[in-house]
N, C-alpha and C. Protein backbone atom coordinates (compact mmCIF):
# COMPACT_ATOMS: atom_id res chain seq x y z
N MET A 1 0.85 -1.17 0.00
CA MET A 1 0.00 0.00 0.00
C MET A 1 0.90 1.24 0.00
N ASP A 2 0.53 2.19 -0.85
CA ASP A 2 1.30 3.41 -1.00
C ASP A 2 0.34 4.61 -0.98
N LEU A 3 0.36 5.38 0.09
CA LEU A 3 -0.57 6.51 0.23
C LEU A 3 -0.15 7.74 -0.57
N SER A 4 1.02 7.72 -1.19
CA SER A 4 1.50 8.92 -1.88
C SER A 4 0.55 9.41 -2.99
N PRO A 5 -0.11 8.54 -3.78
CA PRO A 5 -1.05 9.08 -4.77
C PRO A 5 -2.21 9.84 -4.13
N LEU A 6 -2.67 9.37 -2.99
CA LEU A 6 -3.76 10.05 -2.29
C LEU A 6 -3.27 11.35 -1.65
N LEU A 7 -2.09 11.32 -1.08
CA LEU A 7 -1.53 12.52 -0.45
C LEU A 7 -1.17 13.59 -1.48
N ALA A 8 -0.92 13.17 -2.72
CA ALA A 8 -0.61 14.13 -3.79
C ALA A 8 -1.87 14.65 -4.47
N ALA A 9 -3.01 14.05 -4.16
CA ALA A 9 -4.28 14.46 -4.78
C ALA A 9 -4.75 15.78 -4.19
N SER A 10 -5.76 16.36 -4.83
CA SER A 10 -6.31 17.63 -4.34
C SER A 10 -6.95 17.43 -2.97
N PRO A 11 -7.04 18.52 -2.19
CA PRO A 11 -7.67 18.41 -0.87
C PRO A 11 -9.10 17.86 -0.92
N VAL A 12 -9.85 18.20 -1.96
CA VAL A 12 -11.23 17.70 -2.04
C VAL A 12 -11.25 16.17 -2.20
N ILE A 13 -10.30 15.62 -2.93
CA ILE A 13 -10.22 14.16 -3.09
C ILE A 13 -9.79 13.53 -1.77
N GLN A 14 -8.88 14.17 -1.05
CA GLN A 14 -8.45 13.66 0.25
C GLN A 14 -9.62 13.66 1.25
N ILE A 15 -10.38 14.74 1.28
CA ILE A 15 -11.54 14.83 2.16
C ILE A 15 -12.57 13.77 1.77
N HIS A 16 -12.81 13.64 0.48
CA HIS A 16 -13.75 12.65 -0.04
C HIS A 16 -13.34 11.23 0.38
N ALA A 17 -12.09 10.89 0.19
CA ALA A 17 -11.59 9.55 0.51
C ALA A 17 -11.62 9.30 2.02
N ALA A 18 -11.18 10.28 2.80
CA ALA A 18 -11.19 10.12 4.26
C ALA A 18 -12.62 9.95 4.77
N GLY A 19 -13.53 10.75 4.25
CA GLY A 19 -14.93 10.64 4.66
C GLY A 19 -15.52 9.28 4.30
N ALA A 20 -15.17 8.80 3.10
CA ALA A 20 -15.70 7.51 2.66
C ALA A 20 -15.16 6.37 3.53
N VAL A 21 -13.88 6.39 3.84
CA VAL A 21 -13.30 5.33 4.68
C VAL A 21 -13.92 5.36 6.07
N LEU A 22 -14.03 6.56 6.65
CA LEU A 22 -14.66 6.68 7.97
C LEU A 22 -16.12 6.21 7.93
N ALA A 23 -16.85 6.61 6.90
CA ALA A 23 -18.26 6.20 6.77
C ALA A 23 -18.37 4.69 6.60
N LEU A 24 -17.45 4.10 5.87
CA LEU A 24 -17.45 2.65 5.68
C LEU A 24 -17.27 1.94 7.03
N LEU A 25 -16.32 2.40 7.82
CA LEU A 25 -16.04 1.78 9.12
C LEU A 25 -17.17 2.03 10.13
N ILE A 26 -17.60 3.28 10.24
CA ILE A 26 -18.66 3.62 11.18
C ILE A 26 -19.97 2.95 10.78
N GLY A 27 -20.23 2.91 9.48
CA GLY A 27 -21.44 2.24 8.99
C GLY A 27 -21.44 0.76 9.30
N ALA A 28 -20.28 0.11 9.16
CA ALA A 28 -20.19 -1.31 9.49
C ALA A 28 -20.46 -1.52 10.98
N LEU A 29 -19.88 -0.67 11.80
CA LEU A 29 -20.15 -0.75 13.24
C LEU A 29 -21.65 -0.61 13.51
N GLN A 30 -22.26 0.35 12.88
CA GLN A 30 -23.70 0.61 13.09
C GLN A 30 -24.55 -0.59 12.65
N LEU A 31 -24.17 -1.22 11.56
CA LEU A 31 -24.95 -2.36 11.07
C LEU A 31 -24.95 -3.54 12.04
N PHE A 32 -23.88 -3.67 12.82
CA PHE A 32 -23.72 -4.85 13.66
C PHE A 32 -24.03 -4.61 15.13
N ARG A 33 -24.31 -3.39 15.53
CA ARG A 33 -24.55 -3.14 16.95
C ARG A 33 -26.04 -3.00 17.25
N LYS A 34 -26.34 -2.86 18.53
CA LYS A 34 -27.72 -2.69 19.01
C LYS A 34 -28.34 -1.45 18.39
N LYS A 35 -29.63 -1.53 18.10
CA LYS A 35 -30.33 -0.41 17.45
C LYS A 35 -31.23 0.32 18.43
N GLY A 36 -31.47 1.60 18.13
CA GLY A 36 -32.47 2.38 18.83
C GLY A 36 -32.03 3.11 20.07
N ASP A 37 -30.84 2.85 20.59
CA ASP A 37 -30.40 3.53 21.80
C ASP A 37 -29.73 4.86 21.44
N PRO A 38 -29.38 5.68 22.44
CA PRO A 38 -28.74 6.97 22.15
C PRO A 38 -27.44 6.84 21.35
N THR A 39 -26.67 5.78 21.61
CA THR A 39 -25.42 5.58 20.86
C THR A 39 -25.73 5.32 19.39
N HIS A 40 -26.77 4.54 19.12
CA HIS A 40 -27.18 4.28 17.74
C HIS A 40 -27.51 5.60 17.03
N ARG A 41 -28.24 6.47 17.72
CA ARG A 41 -28.61 7.75 17.12
C ARG A 41 -27.37 8.63 16.89
N LEU A 42 -26.43 8.64 17.83
CA LEU A 42 -25.20 9.43 17.67
C LEU A 42 -24.35 8.91 16.51
N ILE A 43 -24.16 7.60 16.47
CA ILE A 43 -23.39 7.01 15.37
C ILE A 43 -24.12 7.26 14.05
N GLY A 44 -25.44 7.14 14.05
CA GLY A 44 -26.21 7.37 12.83
C GLY A 44 -26.07 8.80 12.33
N ARG A 45 -26.16 9.77 13.23
CA ARG A 45 -25.99 11.17 12.82
C ARG A 45 -24.60 11.41 12.25
N THR A 46 -23.61 10.82 12.90
CA THR A 46 -22.23 10.95 12.42
C THR A 46 -22.10 10.34 11.03
N TRP A 47 -22.68 9.16 10.84
CA TRP A 47 -22.60 8.47 9.54
C TRP A 47 -23.30 9.29 8.45
N VAL A 48 -24.48 9.81 8.76
CA VAL A 48 -25.21 10.62 7.77
C VAL A 48 -24.39 11.86 7.40
N ALA A 49 -23.78 12.50 8.39
CA ALA A 49 -22.95 13.69 8.11
C ALA A 49 -21.76 13.32 7.23
N LEU A 50 -21.10 12.21 7.55
CA LEU A 50 -19.97 11.77 6.73
C LEU A 50 -20.41 11.46 5.30
N MET A 51 -21.53 10.76 5.17
CA MET A 51 -22.03 10.42 3.84
C MET A 51 -22.39 11.67 3.05
N ALA A 52 -22.95 12.67 3.73
CA ALA A 52 -23.27 13.93 3.05
C ALA A 52 -22.00 14.61 2.58
N VAL A 53 -20.95 14.61 3.40
CA VAL A 53 -19.66 15.18 2.99
C VAL A 53 -19.11 14.43 1.78
N VAL A 54 -19.18 13.11 1.81
CA VAL A 54 -18.68 12.30 0.69
C VAL A 54 -19.46 12.62 -0.58
N ALA A 55 -20.79 12.62 -0.49
CA ALA A 55 -21.61 12.88 -1.67
C ALA A 55 -21.41 14.30 -2.19
N LEU A 56 -21.43 15.27 -1.30
CA LEU A 56 -21.29 16.67 -1.74
C LEU A 56 -19.89 16.96 -2.29
N SER A 57 -18.87 16.39 -1.66
CA SER A 57 -17.51 16.62 -2.16
C SER A 57 -17.31 16.03 -3.55
N SER A 58 -18.06 14.98 -3.88
CA SER A 58 -17.90 14.36 -5.20
C SER A 58 -18.25 15.32 -6.34
N PHE A 59 -19.10 16.31 -6.05
CA PHE A 59 -19.47 17.26 -7.10
C PHE A 59 -18.33 18.19 -7.47
N PHE A 60 -17.24 18.13 -6.71
CA PHE A 60 -16.05 18.94 -7.00
C PHE A 60 -14.89 18.08 -7.48
N ILE A 61 -15.18 16.82 -7.80
CA ILE A 61 -14.18 15.90 -8.35
C ILE A 61 -14.59 15.64 -9.79
N TRP A 62 -13.75 16.05 -10.71
CA TRP A 62 -14.12 16.01 -12.13
C TRP A 62 -13.14 15.20 -12.97
N THR A 63 -12.60 14.13 -12.43
CA THR A 63 -11.61 13.35 -13.19
C THR A 63 -12.25 12.59 -14.34
N ILE A 64 -13.49 12.19 -14.19
CA ILE A 64 -14.21 11.52 -15.29
C ILE A 64 -15.29 12.50 -15.74
N ARG A 65 -15.19 12.94 -16.99
CA ARG A 65 -16.14 13.94 -17.50
C ARG A 65 -16.89 13.39 -18.70
N LEU A 66 -18.17 13.14 -18.52
CA LEU A 66 -18.98 12.68 -19.64
C LEU A 66 -20.02 13.72 -20.03
N TRP A 67 -20.50 14.50 -19.05
CA TRP A 67 -21.49 15.55 -19.29
C TRP A 67 -20.94 16.84 -18.69
N GLY A 68 -20.16 17.56 -19.46
CA GLY A 68 -19.50 18.75 -18.91
C GLY A 68 -18.51 18.32 -17.85
N LEU A 69 -18.71 18.79 -16.63
CA LEU A 69 -17.82 18.41 -15.52
C LEU A 69 -18.24 17.12 -14.84
N PHE A 70 -19.39 16.56 -15.24
CA PHE A 70 -19.97 15.48 -14.46
C PHE A 70 -19.94 14.13 -15.17
N SER A 71 -20.18 13.08 -14.37
CA SER A 71 -20.16 11.71 -14.87
C SER A 71 -21.28 10.92 -14.19
N PRO A 72 -21.46 9.66 -14.59
CA PRO A 72 -22.47 8.83 -13.93
C PRO A 72 -22.23 8.68 -12.42
N ILE A 73 -21.01 8.82 -12.00
CA ILE A 73 -20.70 8.72 -10.57
C ILE A 73 -21.46 9.80 -9.80
N HIS A 74 -21.65 10.96 -10.40
CA HIS A 74 -22.37 12.04 -9.72
C HIS A 74 -23.85 11.71 -9.55
N LEU A 75 -24.38 10.84 -10.39
CA LEU A 75 -25.76 10.38 -10.20
C LEU A 75 -25.87 9.56 -8.91
N ILE A 76 -24.82 8.82 -8.61
CA ILE A 76 -24.79 8.06 -7.36
C ILE A 76 -24.80 9.02 -6.17
N SER A 77 -24.13 10.15 -6.31
CA SER A 77 -24.11 11.14 -5.23
C SER A 77 -25.50 11.73 -5.00
N ILE A 78 -26.21 11.99 -6.07
CA ILE A 78 -27.59 12.48 -5.94
C ILE A 78 -28.45 11.41 -5.27
N PHE A 79 -28.32 10.18 -5.73
CA PHE A 79 -29.03 9.05 -5.12
C PHE A 79 -28.73 8.97 -3.63
N THR A 80 -27.46 9.10 -3.26
CA THR A 80 -27.05 9.03 -1.87
C THR A 80 -27.71 10.12 -1.03
N LEU A 81 -27.69 11.35 -1.51
CA LEU A 81 -28.29 12.45 -0.77
C LEU A 81 -29.80 12.24 -0.58
N VAL A 82 -30.47 11.76 -1.62
CA VAL A 82 -31.90 11.48 -1.52
C VAL A 82 -32.16 10.37 -0.52
N MET A 83 -31.37 9.31 -0.58
CA MET A 83 -31.56 8.19 0.33
C MET A 83 -31.26 8.58 1.78
N LEU A 84 -30.26 9.41 2.00
CA LEU A 84 -29.98 9.89 3.36
C LEU A 84 -31.18 10.66 3.90
N TRP A 85 -31.71 11.55 3.08
CA TRP A 85 -32.87 12.33 3.48
C TRP A 85 -34.05 11.41 3.81
N ARG A 86 -34.29 10.42 2.95
CA ARG A 86 -35.40 9.48 3.18
C ARG A 86 -35.18 8.67 4.45
N GLY A 87 -33.97 8.18 4.63
CA GLY A 87 -33.67 7.37 5.82
C GLY A 87 -33.89 8.15 7.11
N VAL A 88 -33.45 9.40 7.14
CA VAL A 88 -33.66 10.24 8.32
C VAL A 88 -35.15 10.51 8.50
N ALA A 89 -35.85 10.80 7.41
CA ALA A 89 -37.29 11.06 7.50
C ALA A 89 -38.03 9.84 8.04
N PHE A 90 -37.66 8.64 7.59
CA PHE A 90 -38.30 7.42 8.10
C PHE A 90 -38.04 7.27 9.60
N ALA A 91 -36.80 7.55 10.02
CA ALA A 91 -36.47 7.43 11.46
C ALA A 91 -37.29 8.42 12.28
N ARG A 92 -37.42 9.64 11.79
CA ARG A 92 -38.19 10.65 12.53
C ARG A 92 -39.67 10.29 12.63
N ARG A 93 -40.17 9.56 11.62
CA ARG A 93 -41.58 9.12 11.65
C ARG A 93 -41.73 7.79 12.37
N HIS A 94 -40.62 7.27 12.91
CA HIS A 94 -40.60 5.99 13.63
C HIS A 94 -40.98 4.81 12.74
N ASN A 95 -40.71 4.95 11.45
CA ASN A 95 -40.91 3.83 10.52
C ASN A 95 -39.58 3.06 10.48
N VAL A 96 -39.39 2.22 11.48
CA VAL A 96 -38.10 1.56 11.70
C VAL A 96 -37.73 0.66 10.52
N GLU A 97 -38.67 -0.11 10.01
CA GLU A 97 -38.38 -1.03 8.92
C GLU A 97 -37.92 -0.28 7.66
N ALA A 98 -38.63 0.78 7.29
CA ALA A 98 -38.24 1.56 6.11
C ALA A 98 -36.89 2.25 6.35
N HIS A 99 -36.67 2.73 7.56
CA HIS A 99 -35.39 3.36 7.91
C HIS A 99 -34.25 2.35 7.76
N ARG A 100 -34.45 1.16 8.32
CA ARG A 100 -33.42 0.12 8.26
C ARG A 100 -33.09 -0.25 6.82
N ARG A 101 -34.12 -0.53 6.03
CA ARG A 101 -33.90 -0.91 4.62
C ARG A 101 -33.19 0.19 3.86
N THR A 102 -33.62 1.42 4.06
CA THR A 102 -33.04 2.56 3.33
C THR A 102 -31.57 2.73 3.68
N MET A 103 -31.25 2.68 4.96
CA MET A 103 -29.86 2.89 5.37
C MET A 103 -28.97 1.72 4.96
N GLN A 104 -29.48 0.50 5.05
CA GLN A 104 -28.68 -0.65 4.61
C GLN A 104 -28.41 -0.59 3.11
N MET A 105 -29.43 -0.23 2.33
CA MET A 105 -29.26 -0.13 0.88
C MET A 105 -28.30 1.01 0.53
N THR A 106 -28.39 2.11 1.24
CA THR A 106 -27.47 3.23 0.99
C THR A 106 -26.05 2.82 1.31
N TYR A 107 -25.85 2.12 2.42
CA TYR A 107 -24.51 1.64 2.77
C TYR A 107 -23.97 0.73 1.67
N LEU A 108 -24.78 -0.21 1.26
CA LEU A 108 -24.34 -1.18 0.25
C LEU A 108 -24.03 -0.52 -1.09
N LEU A 109 -24.96 0.27 -1.60
CA LEU A 109 -24.78 0.85 -2.95
C LEU A 109 -23.84 2.05 -2.96
N ALA A 110 -23.98 2.94 -1.98
CA ALA A 110 -23.22 4.19 -2.01
C ALA A 110 -21.80 4.03 -1.47
N LEU A 111 -21.57 3.02 -0.66
CA LEU A 111 -20.22 2.83 -0.11
C LEU A 111 -19.54 1.58 -0.62
N VAL A 112 -20.19 0.44 -0.50
CA VAL A 112 -19.53 -0.81 -0.86
C VAL A 112 -19.35 -0.92 -2.37
N VAL A 113 -20.44 -0.85 -3.12
CA VAL A 113 -20.35 -1.00 -4.58
C VAL A 113 -19.54 0.14 -5.19
N THR A 114 -19.87 1.37 -4.81
CA THR A 114 -19.15 2.51 -5.35
C THR A 114 -17.69 2.47 -4.92
N GLY A 115 -17.44 2.06 -3.68
CA GLY A 115 -16.06 1.94 -3.20
C GLY A 115 -15.25 0.96 -4.02
N LEU A 116 -15.86 -0.17 -4.37
CA LEU A 116 -15.15 -1.14 -5.20
C LEU A 116 -14.79 -0.56 -6.57
N LEU A 117 -15.62 0.34 -7.08
CA LEU A 117 -15.32 0.96 -8.38
C LEU A 117 -14.10 1.87 -8.31
N THR A 118 -13.73 2.32 -7.11
CA THR A 118 -12.54 3.18 -7.00
C THR A 118 -11.26 2.39 -7.20
N PHE A 119 -11.37 1.06 -7.24
CA PHE A 119 -10.18 0.23 -7.44
C PHE A 119 -9.98 -0.18 -8.89
N LEU A 120 -10.69 0.49 -9.81
CA LEU A 120 -10.47 0.23 -11.24
C LEU A 120 -9.12 0.85 -11.65
N PRO A 121 -8.45 0.23 -12.62
CA PRO A 121 -7.16 0.78 -13.08
C PRO A 121 -7.30 2.25 -13.49
N GLY A 122 -6.28 3.03 -13.11
CA GLY A 122 -6.26 4.45 -13.44
C GLY A 122 -6.79 5.34 -12.34
N ARG A 123 -7.52 4.78 -11.38
CA ARG A 123 -8.08 5.57 -10.27
C ARG A 123 -7.05 5.69 -9.14
N ILE A 124 -7.18 6.71 -8.34
CA ILE A 124 -6.22 6.96 -7.26
C ILE A 124 -6.16 5.79 -6.28
N MET A 125 -7.32 5.28 -5.86
CA MET A 125 -7.31 4.19 -4.88
C MET A 125 -6.70 2.91 -5.46
N TYR A 126 -6.80 2.73 -6.75
CA TYR A 126 -6.11 1.61 -7.41
C TYR A 126 -4.61 1.75 -7.19
N ARG A 127 -4.08 2.95 -7.42
CA ARG A 127 -2.64 3.19 -7.24
C ARG A 127 -2.24 3.08 -5.77
N VAL A 128 -3.13 3.50 -4.86
CA VAL A 128 -2.85 3.39 -3.43
C VAL A 128 -2.70 1.92 -3.04
N VAL A 129 -3.64 1.09 -3.46
CA VAL A 129 -3.65 -0.32 -3.05
C VAL A 129 -2.63 -1.15 -3.82
N PHE A 130 -2.54 -0.94 -5.12
CA PHE A 130 -1.70 -1.81 -5.94
C PHE A 130 -0.33 -1.23 -6.28
N GLY A 131 -0.10 0.03 -5.97
CA GLY A 131 1.19 0.64 -6.21
C GLY A 131 1.44 0.93 -7.67
N PRO A 132 2.62 1.46 -7.98
CA PRO A 132 2.92 1.85 -9.37
C PRO A 132 3.01 0.66 -10.34
N GLU A 133 3.27 -0.53 -9.81
CA GLU A 133 3.36 -1.72 -10.68
C GLU A 133 2.00 -2.21 -11.11
N GLY A 134 0.97 -1.75 -10.42
CA GLY A 134 -0.38 -2.20 -10.74
C GLY A 134 -0.73 -3.48 -10.02
N ALA A 135 -1.79 -4.10 -10.46
CA ALA A 135 -2.32 -5.30 -9.81
C ALA A 135 -1.55 -6.53 -10.24
N THR A 136 -0.44 -6.78 -9.56
CA THR A 136 0.29 -8.02 -9.81
C THR A 136 -0.59 -9.17 -9.35
N PRO A 137 -0.35 -10.37 -9.83
CA PRO A 137 -1.19 -11.50 -9.40
C PRO A 137 -1.23 -11.66 -7.87
N GLU A 138 -0.09 -11.45 -7.22
CA GLU A 138 -0.05 -11.59 -5.76
C GLU A 138 -0.89 -10.52 -5.08
N ARG A 139 -0.76 -9.28 -5.50
CA ARG A 139 -1.53 -8.18 -4.89
C ARG A 139 -3.02 -8.32 -5.18
N LEU A 140 -3.34 -8.74 -6.38
CA LEU A 140 -4.74 -8.94 -6.73
C LEU A 140 -5.35 -10.06 -5.89
N ALA A 141 -4.61 -11.14 -5.72
CA ALA A 141 -5.09 -12.25 -4.89
C ALA A 141 -5.29 -11.80 -3.45
N LEU A 142 -4.38 -11.01 -2.92
CA LEU A 142 -4.50 -10.51 -1.56
C LEU A 142 -5.72 -9.59 -1.43
N PHE A 143 -5.93 -8.73 -2.41
CA PHE A 143 -7.06 -7.80 -2.41
C PHE A 143 -8.38 -8.57 -2.45
N ILE A 144 -8.49 -9.51 -3.38
CA ILE A 144 -9.72 -10.30 -3.50
C ILE A 144 -9.92 -11.15 -2.24
N GLY A 145 -8.85 -11.73 -1.75
CA GLY A 145 -8.94 -12.53 -0.53
C GLY A 145 -9.43 -11.71 0.66
N THR A 146 -8.96 -10.49 0.78
CA THR A 146 -9.39 -9.61 1.87
C THR A 146 -10.88 -9.32 1.75
N ILE A 147 -11.35 -9.04 0.56
CA ILE A 147 -12.78 -8.77 0.34
C ILE A 147 -13.61 -10.00 0.69
N VAL A 148 -13.16 -11.17 0.26
CA VAL A 148 -13.89 -12.41 0.54
C VAL A 148 -13.93 -12.67 2.05
N VAL A 149 -12.79 -12.51 2.73
CA VAL A 149 -12.76 -12.73 4.18
C VAL A 149 -13.70 -11.76 4.89
N LEU A 150 -13.68 -10.49 4.51
CA LEU A 150 -14.58 -9.51 5.12
C LEU A 150 -16.04 -9.87 4.89
N ALA A 151 -16.36 -10.34 3.69
CA ALA A 151 -17.74 -10.74 3.39
C ALA A 151 -18.14 -11.94 4.25
N ILE A 152 -17.26 -12.92 4.39
CA ILE A 152 -17.57 -14.11 5.19
C ILE A 152 -17.73 -13.73 6.66
N VAL A 153 -16.83 -12.92 7.18
CA VAL A 153 -16.92 -12.50 8.58
C VAL A 153 -18.23 -11.74 8.81
N SER A 154 -18.58 -10.85 7.89
CA SER A 154 -19.84 -10.11 8.02
C SER A 154 -21.02 -11.05 8.06
N ARG A 155 -21.02 -12.00 7.18
CA ARG A 155 -22.11 -12.98 7.12
C ARG A 155 -22.19 -13.79 8.42
N LEU A 156 -21.04 -14.21 8.94
CA LEU A 156 -21.02 -14.98 10.18
C LEU A 156 -21.50 -14.15 11.37
N VAL A 157 -21.11 -12.89 11.42
CA VAL A 157 -21.57 -12.02 12.50
C VAL A 157 -23.08 -11.85 12.43
N LEU A 158 -23.60 -11.63 11.24
CA LEU A 158 -25.05 -11.49 11.09
C LEU A 158 -25.77 -12.77 11.51
N ARG A 159 -25.24 -13.91 11.10
CA ARG A 159 -25.84 -15.20 11.47
C ARG A 159 -25.78 -15.40 12.98
N TRP A 160 -24.65 -15.07 13.60
CA TRP A 160 -24.50 -15.19 15.04
C TRP A 160 -25.50 -14.28 15.76
N ARG A 161 -25.64 -13.06 15.28
CA ARG A 161 -26.59 -12.12 15.91
C ARG A 161 -28.00 -12.64 15.80
N ARG A 162 -28.34 -13.20 14.64
CA ARG A 162 -29.69 -13.76 14.45
C ARG A 162 -29.95 -14.88 15.45
N SER A 163 -28.99 -15.80 15.58
CA SER A 163 -29.19 -16.93 16.48
C SER A 163 -29.17 -16.48 17.94
N ALA A 164 -28.34 -15.48 18.27
CA ALA A 164 -28.28 -14.98 19.65
C ALA A 164 -29.58 -14.27 20.03
N ALA A 165 -30.19 -13.62 19.07
CA ALA A 165 -31.44 -12.91 19.33
C ALA A 165 -32.63 -13.87 19.34
N GLY A 166 -32.43 -15.05 18.75
CA GLY A 166 -33.51 -16.02 18.70
C GLY A 166 -34.63 -15.61 17.75
N THR A 167 -34.33 -14.74 16.82
CA THR A 167 -35.33 -14.26 15.88
C THR A 167 -34.64 -13.92 14.58
N SER A 168 -35.41 -13.50 13.61
CA SER A 168 -34.81 -13.15 12.32
C SER A 168 -34.10 -11.82 12.41
N PHE A 169 -33.13 -11.61 11.57
CA PHE A 169 -32.36 -10.36 11.54
C PHE A 169 -33.29 -9.18 11.26
N ILE A 170 -34.23 -9.34 10.37
CA ILE A 170 -35.13 -8.24 10.00
C ILE A 170 -36.02 -7.87 11.19
N ALA A 171 -36.57 -8.87 11.84
CA ALA A 171 -37.48 -8.58 12.96
C ALA A 171 -36.73 -7.98 14.14
N ALA A 172 -35.45 -8.33 14.30
CA ALA A 172 -34.68 -7.83 15.44
C ALA A 172 -34.21 -6.41 15.26
N HIS A 173 -34.30 -5.90 14.08
CA HIS A 173 -33.76 -4.57 13.82
C HIS A 173 -34.84 -3.69 13.31
């Protein structure tokens, strides 16, 4: 891993990347912890603020230009802002199920899927993870292995939580 491409990037890209990494970590914590208590609300507000920073900062990143300064990635930012607004509105109306679904979908699409796209060749995060030599077979195997391990651990934690609660994951949250 080589952080120099990220450190050499513009401040808006650095803010965007830092916000995304923090949101990814805090969001994962939120997905796996107890819901509805004051800590859940504090973590949730922090996550929503970070996601708003990530989405809004993307409008000032113009490395891929298909429509003037913008690209399809900016459509994801609009989607993210709308989903954040909806998720908060559902929580305020005490529609827990709609809030849960909205926030989980936002986490998955706006952070996980979009985050994986940052590892395409030519992107800054690709250079950070794979270095100047690019995705050698060893580095690519390590990267894919890490993603697979994280997915398996996440699945096991969810399964453990379901069995510990004695109910379905959806009903418990």
